[in-house]
């Protein structure tokens, strides 16, 4: 698996390069989370995803410990 995107993500959020074990863990967690975070929401009619963009943005900001 190409870990290039995760390497860039680690540099952005950790301010350092990730080692191989971290890249493998990141890609595995993303794979597991992808099934639940952005699962199609058939019950919501025209909604494409089960999480709204504004909520997703707040989640990302909280993960980075930045104020909105």
N, C-alpha and C. Protein backbone atom coordinates (compact mmCIF):
# COMPACT_ATOMS: atom_id res chain seq x y z
N UNK A 1 0.85 -1.18 0.00
CA UNK A 1 0.00 0.00 0.00
C UNK A 1 0.89 1.24 0.00
N UNK A 2 0.51 2.24 -0.78
CA UNK A 2 1.23 3.50 -0.84
C UNK A 2 0.85 4.35 0.37
N UNK A 3 1.83 4.71 1.15
CA UNK A 3 1.56 5.49 2.36
C UNK A 3 1.88 6.97 2.15
N UNK A 4 2.02 7.40 0.90
CA UNK A 4 2.40 8.78 0.60
C UNK A 4 1.44 9.81 1.19
N UNK A 5 0.14 9.58 1.07
CA UNK A 5 -0.82 10.53 1.62
C UNK A 5 -0.75 10.59 3.14
N UNK A 6 -0.52 9.44 3.76
CA UNK A 6 -0.42 9.41 5.22
C UNK A 6 0.88 10.06 5.68
N UNK A 7 1.94 9.93 4.89
CA UNK A 7 3.20 10.58 5.22
C UNK A 7 3.02 12.10 5.20
N UNK A 8 2.32 12.59 4.20
CA UNK A 8 2.05 14.03 4.12
C UNK A 8 1.15 14.48 5.28
N UNK A 9 0.17 13.68 5.61
CA UNK A 9 -0.72 13.99 6.73
C UNK A 9 0.06 14.05 8.04
N UNK A 10 0.95 13.11 8.26
CA UNK A 10 1.76 13.09 9.48
C UNK A 10 2.64 14.34 9.57
N UNK A 11 3.27 14.70 8.44
CA UNK A 11 4.10 15.91 8.44
C UNK A 11 3.28 17.14 8.80
N UNK A 12 2.05 17.21 8.28
CA UNK A 12 1.19 18.36 8.53
C UNK A 12 0.75 18.45 10.00
N UNK A 13 0.33 17.33 10.57
CA UNK A 13 -0.25 17.35 11.90
C UNK A 13 0.76 17.08 13.02
N UNK A 14 1.81 16.33 12.73
CA UNK A 14 2.78 15.98 13.77
C UNK A 14 4.04 16.83 13.70
N UNK A 15 4.18 17.58 12.60
CA UNK A 15 5.39 18.40 12.38
C UNK A 15 6.66 17.55 12.36
N UNK A 16 6.52 16.33 11.88
CA UNK A 16 7.67 15.43 11.73
C UNK A 16 7.29 14.32 10.77
N UNK A 17 8.28 13.58 10.31
CA UNK A 17 8.01 12.42 9.47
C UNK A 17 7.56 11.26 10.35
N UNK A 18 6.61 10.49 9.85
CA UNK A 18 6.14 9.30 10.57
C UNK A 18 7.04 8.12 10.21
N UNK A 19 7.21 7.22 11.16
CA UNK A 19 7.98 6.01 10.85
C UNK A 19 7.05 4.98 10.20
N UNK A 20 7.62 3.89 9.73
CA UNK A 20 6.84 2.87 9.01
C UNK A 20 5.69 2.31 9.86
N UNK A 21 5.95 2.04 11.13
CA UNK A 21 4.91 1.48 12.00
C UNK A 21 3.74 2.46 12.13
N UNK A 22 4.04 3.75 12.25
CA UNK A 22 2.98 4.76 12.35
C UNK A 22 2.18 4.84 11.05
N UNK A 23 2.86 4.77 9.92
CA UNK A 23 2.16 4.83 8.63
C UNK A 23 1.24 3.63 8.44
N UNK A 24 1.70 2.46 8.84
CA UNK A 24 0.87 1.26 8.74
C UNK A 24 -0.34 1.38 9.66
N UNK A 25 -0.12 1.88 10.88
CA UNK A 25 -1.22 2.06 11.83
C UNK A 25 -2.22 3.09 11.31
N UNK A 26 -1.73 4.18 10.76
CA UNK A 26 -2.62 5.22 10.23
C UNK A 26 -3.48 4.69 9.09
N UNK A 27 -2.86 3.97 8.17
CA UNK A 27 -3.63 3.46 7.03
C UNK A 27 -4.64 2.41 7.47
N UNK A 28 -4.26 1.57 8.44
CA UNK A 28 -5.20 0.57 8.96
C UNK A 28 -6.39 1.21 9.66
N UNK A 29 -6.11 2.24 10.46
CA UNK A 29 -7.19 2.93 11.16
C UNK A 29 -8.10 3.64 10.17
N UNK A 30 -7.53 4.26 9.16
CA UNK A 30 -8.34 4.94 8.15
C UNK A 30 -9.24 3.95 7.41
N UNK A 31 -8.69 2.79 7.11
CA UNK A 31 -9.48 1.77 6.42
C UNK A 31 -10.67 1.32 7.28
N UNK A 32 -10.41 1.10 8.57
CA UNK A 32 -11.48 0.68 9.47
C UNK A 32 -12.51 1.80 9.66
N UNK A 33 -12.05 3.02 9.81
CA UNK A 33 -12.95 4.15 10.06
C UNK A 33 -13.77 4.51 8.82
N UNK A 34 -13.21 4.30 7.65
CA UNK A 34 -13.89 4.68 6.41
C UNK A 34 -15.24 3.97 6.26
N UNK A 35 -15.35 2.80 6.82
CA UNK A 35 -16.60 2.04 6.72
C UNK A 35 -17.71 2.69 7.54
N UNK A 36 -17.35 3.50 8.52
CA UNK A 36 -18.35 4.06 9.43
C UNK A 36 -18.50 5.57 9.33
N UNK A 37 -17.43 6.29 9.09
CA UNK A 37 -17.47 7.75 9.10
C UNK A 37 -18.29 8.29 7.94
N UNK A 38 -18.06 7.79 6.75
CA UNK A 38 -18.73 8.33 5.58
C UNK A 38 -19.61 7.29 4.91
N UNK A 39 -20.25 6.49 5.71
CA UNK A 39 -21.14 5.48 5.14
C UNK A 39 -22.34 6.16 4.48
N UNK A 40 -22.75 5.70 3.32
CA UNK A 40 -23.93 6.28 2.68
C UNK A 40 -25.14 6.21 3.60
N UNK A 41 -25.92 7.25 3.59
CA UNK A 41 -27.08 7.32 4.47
C UNK A 41 -28.36 7.24 3.64
N UNK A 42 -28.86 6.04 3.45
CA UNK A 42 -30.07 5.85 2.64
C UNK A 42 -31.30 6.43 3.33
N UNK A 43 -31.29 6.46 4.64
CA UNK A 43 -32.46 6.93 5.38
C UNK A 43 -32.64 8.44 5.31
N UNK A 44 -31.65 9.16 4.87
CA UNK A 44 -31.73 10.62 4.86
C UNK A 44 -32.07 11.17 3.49
N UNK A 45 -32.59 10.38 2.63
CA UNK A 45 -33.02 10.87 1.33
C UNK A 45 -31.86 11.27 0.45
N UNK A 46 -31.74 12.57 0.18
CA UNK A 46 -30.71 13.05 -0.74
C UNK A 46 -29.34 13.23 -0.10
N UNK A 47 -29.24 13.06 1.21
CA UNK A 47 -27.95 13.20 1.88
C UNK A 47 -26.98 12.13 1.38
N UNK A 48 -25.77 12.54 1.07
CA UNK A 48 -24.79 11.60 0.55
C UNK A 48 -24.06 10.84 1.65
N UNK A 49 -23.87 11.49 2.78
CA UNK A 49 -23.10 10.86 3.85
C UNK A 49 -23.80 11.01 5.18
N UNK A 50 -23.43 10.17 6.13
CA UNK A 50 -24.06 10.17 7.43
C UNK A 50 -23.50 11.27 8.33
N UNK A 51 -22.43 11.93 7.94
CA UNK A 51 -21.85 13.01 8.73
C UNK A 51 -21.90 14.30 7.91
N UNK A 52 -22.33 15.38 8.54
CA UNK A 52 -22.45 16.64 7.82
C UNK A 52 -21.10 17.34 7.75
N UNK A 53 -20.83 18.08 6.68
CA UNK A 53 -19.53 18.73 6.51
C UNK A 53 -19.13 19.63 7.68
N UNK A 54 -20.07 20.40 8.22
CA UNK A 54 -19.73 21.30 9.33
C UNK A 54 -19.30 20.50 10.56
N UNK A 55 -19.97 19.40 10.82
CA UNK A 55 -19.60 18.56 11.96
C UNK A 55 -18.23 17.93 11.73
N UNK A 56 -17.99 17.51 10.50
CA UNK A 56 -16.70 16.92 10.15
C UNK A 56 -15.58 17.92 10.37
N UNK A 57 -15.80 19.17 9.95
CA UNK A 57 -14.80 20.23 10.14
C UNK A 57 -14.52 20.47 11.62
N UNK A 58 -15.57 20.51 12.44
CA UNK A 58 -15.38 20.69 13.89
C UNK A 58 -14.61 19.51 14.48
N UNK A 59 -14.87 18.32 13.98
CA UNK A 59 -14.15 17.14 14.46
C UNK A 59 -12.67 17.25 14.13
N UNK A 60 -12.35 17.67 12.92
CA UNK A 60 -10.95 17.84 12.54
C UNK A 60 -10.27 18.91 13.39
N UNK A 61 -10.96 20.02 13.62
CA UNK A 61 -10.39 21.08 14.44
C UNK A 61 -10.16 20.61 15.87
N UNK A 62 -11.08 19.85 16.41
CA UNK A 62 -10.92 19.34 17.77
C UNK A 62 -9.72 18.38 17.83
N UNK A 63 -9.54 17.60 16.79
CA UNK A 63 -8.42 16.67 16.76
C UNK A 63 -7.08 17.40 16.74
N UNK A 64 -7.08 18.58 16.15
CA UNK A 64 -5.85 19.39 16.09
C UNK A 64 -5.73 20.32 17.29
N UNK A 65 -6.74 20.31 18.17
CA UNK A 65 -6.77 21.16 19.36
C UNK A 65 -6.69 22.64 19.02
N UNK A 66 -7.40 23.02 17.95
CA UNK A 66 -7.44 24.42 17.56
C UNK A 66 -8.83 24.98 17.82
N UNK A 67 -8.90 26.23 18.22
CA UNK A 67 -10.22 26.85 18.38
C UNK A 67 -10.87 27.06 17.02
N UNK A 68 -12.19 27.10 17.01
CA UNK A 68 -12.90 27.31 15.75
C UNK A 68 -12.76 28.72 15.25
